[in-house]
Amino acid sequence: MDVDLLLAPDCPNAATARAVLTECLDRLGLVVPVRERVGDYPSPTILVDGVDVMTGAQGTPAMQACRLDAPTAPRVLAALRAGGTVSTAGGAA
């Protein structure tokens, strides 16, 4: 499983996203490396196997922006359980 945390420089939500991701990995008992990348990304973005946990889309556009839909624990948990395949319809885990 590939897990990426994408951040824009000086993202004010970086620590929260990092904490949510760590909490979810711990809750599921997963020990996987998390690649943290800083650059031109909608921030914060968490990708599981290349899939955005909030949108269910593959990858992310190249743009530096603060996301209004920051990753949530239910969505991160669902993505980790599904191995990157997330449905945005209905509820989360």
C-alpha atoms as a PDB file:
ATOM      1  CA  MET A   1       0.000   0.000   0.000  1.00  0.00           C
ATOM      2  CA  ASP A   2       1.284   3.463  -0.933  1.00  0.00           C
ATOM      3  CA  VAL A   3       0.331   6.393   1.300  1.00  0.00           C
ATOM      4  CA  ASP A   4       1.211   9.993   0.453  1.00  0.00           C
ATOM      5  CA  LEU A   5       0.634  13.193   2.408  1.00  0.00           C
ATOM      6  CA  LEU A   6       0.797  16.125  -0.003  1.00  0.00           C
ATOM      7  CA  LEU A   7       1.259  19.595   1.438  1.00  0.00           C
ATOM      8  CA  ALA A   8       1.701  23.120   0.169  1.00  0.00           C
ATOM      9  CA  PRO A   9       4.511  25.030   1.872  1.00  0.00           C
ATOM     10  CA  ASP A  10       3.447  26.425   5.263  1.00  0.00           C
ATOM     11  CA  CYS A  11       0.054  24.686   5.121  1.00  0.00           C
ATOM     12  CA  PRO A  12      -1.816  25.626   8.323  1.00  0.00           C
ATOM     13  CA  ASN A  13      -3.616  22.246   8.301  1.00  0.00           C
ATOM     14  CA  ALA A  14      -0.513  20.073   7.896  1.00  0.00           C
ATOM     15  CA  ALA A  15      -0.248  19.044  11.550  1.00  0.00           C
ATOM     16  CA  THR A  16      -3.937  18.137  11.739  1.00  0.00           C
ATOM     17  CA  ALA A  17      -3.790  16.039   8.550  1.00  0.00           C
ATOM     18  CA  ARG A  18      -0.630  14.312   9.769  1.00  0.00           C
ATOM     19  CA  ALA A  19      -2.309  13.525  13.105  1.00  0.00           C
ATOM     20  CA  VAL A  20      -5.478  12.184  11.410  1.00  0.00           C
ATOM     21  CA  LEU A  21      -3.400   9.946   9.155  1.00  0.00           C
ATOM     22  CA  THR A  22      -1.261   8.654  12.025  1.00  0.00           C
ATOM     23  CA  GLU A  23      -4.356   7.993  14.157  1.00  0.00           C
ATOM     24  CA  CYS A  24      -6.027   6.049  11.339  1.00  0.00           C
ATOM     25  CA  LEU A  25      -2.955   3.946  10.599  1.00  0.00           C
ATOM     26  CA  ASP A  26      -2.600   3.154  14.315  1.00  0.00           C
ATOM     27  CA  ARG A  27      -6.304   2.337  14.663  1.00  0.00           C
ATOM     28  CA  LEU A  28      -6.074  -0.207  11.836  1.00  0.00           C
ATOM     29  CA  GLY A  29      -2.740  -1.581  13.037  1.00  0.00           C
ATOM     30  CA  LEU A  30      -1.067  -0.710   9.735  1.00  0.00           C
ATOM     31  CA  VAL A  31       2.644  -0.111   9.536  1.00  0.00           C
ATOM     32  CA  VAL A  32       3.269   1.496   6.166  1.00  0.00           C
ATOM     33  CA  PRO A  33       5.665   4.242   5.156  1.00  0.00           C
ATOM     34  CA  VAL A  34       4.044   7.610   4.523  1.00  0.00           C
ATOM     35  CA  ARG A  35       5.684   9.750   1.867  1.00  0.00           C
ATOM     36  CA  GLU A  36       5.298  13.376   2.844  1.00  0.00           C
ATOM     37  CA  ARG A  37       5.784  15.740  -0.085  1.00  0.00           C
ATOM     38  CA  VAL A  38       5.746  19.537  -0.048  1.00  0.00           C
ATOM     39  CA  GLY A  39       5.045  21.399  -3.277  1.00  0.00           C
ATOM     40  CA  ASP A  40       2.281  22.613  -5.556  1.00  0.00           C
ATOM     41  CA  TYR A  41      -0.590  20.509  -4.209  1.00  0.00           C
ATOM     42  CA  PRO A  42      -4.097  21.122  -2.929  1.00  0.00           C
ATOM     43  CA  SER A  43      -3.158  20.954   0.720  1.00  0.00           C
ATOM     44  CA  PRO A  44      -3.511  18.859   2.686  1.00  0.00           C
ATOM     45  CA  THR A  45      -4.153  15.851   0.455  1.00  0.00           C
ATOM     46  CA  ILE A  46      -3.859  12.218   1.472  1.00  0.00           C
ATOM     47  CA  LEU A  47      -3.484   9.664  -1.306  1.00  0.00           C
ATOM     48  CA  VAL A  48      -3.856   5.917  -0.736  1.00  0.00           C
ATOM     49  CA  ASP A  49      -2.523   3.942  -3.689  1.00  0.00           C
ATOM     50  CA  GLY A  50      -2.696   7.171  -5.689  1.00  0.00           C
ATOM     51  CA  VAL A  51      -6.360   7.867  -4.887  1.00  0.00           C
ATOM     52  CA  ASP A  52      -7.425  11.078  -3.096  1.00  0.00           C
ATOM     53  CA  VAL A  53      -9.244   9.977   0.070  1.00  0.00           C
ATOM     54  CA  MET A  54     -11.680  12.888  -0.120  1.00  0.00           C
ATOM     55  CA  THR A  55     -12.646  12.841  -3.798  1.00  0.00           C
ATOM     56  CA  GLY A  56     -11.996   9.257  -4.849  1.00  0.00           C
ATOM     57  CA  ALA A  57     -10.118  10.630  -7.866  1.00  0.00           C
ATOM     58  CA  GLN A  58      -6.791   9.284  -9.052  1.00  0.00           C
ATOM     59  CA  GLY A  59      -3.996  11.736  -8.263  1.00  0.00           C
ATOM     60  CA  THR A  60      -4.332  15.444  -7.698  1.00  0.00           C
ATOM     61  CA  PRO A  61      -4.022  18.586  -9.832  1.00  0.00           C
ATOM     62  CA  ALA A  62      -0.767  20.525  -9.752  1.00  0.00           C
ATOM     63  CA  MET A  63      -1.733  23.667  -7.889  1.00  0.00           C
ATOM     64  CA  GLN A  64      -0.899  25.192  -4.557  1.00  0.00           C
ATOM     65  CA  ALA A  65      -4.129  25.746  -2.683  1.00  0.00           C
ATOM     66  CA  CYS A  66      -5.627  25.353   0.754  1.00  0.00           C
ATOM     67  CA  ARG A  67      -8.319  22.654   0.656  1.00  0.00           C
ATOM     68  CA  LEU A  68     -11.718  23.283   2.134  1.00  0.00           C
ATOM     69  CA  ASP A  69     -12.321  19.519   2.305  1.00  0.00           C
ATOM     70  CA  ALA A  70      -9.398  18.551   4.526  1.00  0.00           C
ATOM     71  CA  PRO A  71      -9.013  14.792   5.045  1.00  0.00           C
ATOM     72  CA  THR A  72     -11.296  13.366   7.718  1.00  0.00           C
ATOM     73  CA  ALA A  73     -10.734  10.264   9.827  1.00  0.00           C
ATOM     74  CA  PRO A  74     -13.761   8.409   8.397  1.00  0.00           C
ATOM     75  CA  ARG A  75     -12.590   8.975   4.818  1.00  0.00           C
ATOM     76  CA  VAL A  76      -8.971   8.066   5.614  1.00  0.00           C
ATOM     77  CA  LEU A  77     -10.095   4.891   7.402  1.00  0.00           C
ATOM     78  CA  ALA A  78     -12.311   3.921   4.469  1.00  0.00           C
ATOM     79  CA  ALA A  79      -9.491   4.486   1.993  1.00  0.00           C
ATOM     80  CA  LEU A  80      -7.002   2.488   4.046  1.00  0.00           C
ATOM     81  CA  ARG A  81      -9.457  -0.378   4.439  1.00  0.00           C
ATOM     82  CA  ALA A  82     -10.227  -0.371   0.719  1.00  0.00           C
ATOM     83  CA  GLY A  83      -6.615  -0.026  -0.325  1.00  0.00           C
ATOM     84  CA  GLY A  84      -7.262   3.234  -2.166  1.00  0.00           C
ATOM     85  CA  THR A  85     -10.653   2.490  -3.719  1.00  0.00           C
ATOM     86  CA  VAL A  86     -13.048   4.959  -2.094  1.00  0.00           C
ATOM     87  CA  SER A  87     -16.605   5.788  -2.979  1.00  0.00           C
ATOM     88  CA  THR A  88     -17.603   9.380  -2.224  1.00  0.00           C
ATOM     89  CA  ALA A  89     -21.306   8.476  -2.295  1.00  0.00           C
ATOM     90  CA  GLY A  90     -23.083   7.634   0.922  1.00  0.00           C
ATOM     91  CA  GLY A  91     -21.258   7.630   4.206  1.00  0.00           C
ATOM     92  CA  ALA A  92     -17.764   6.860   5.288  1.00  0.00           C
ATOM     93  CA  ALA A  93     -16.488   4.100   7.503  1.00  0.00           C
END
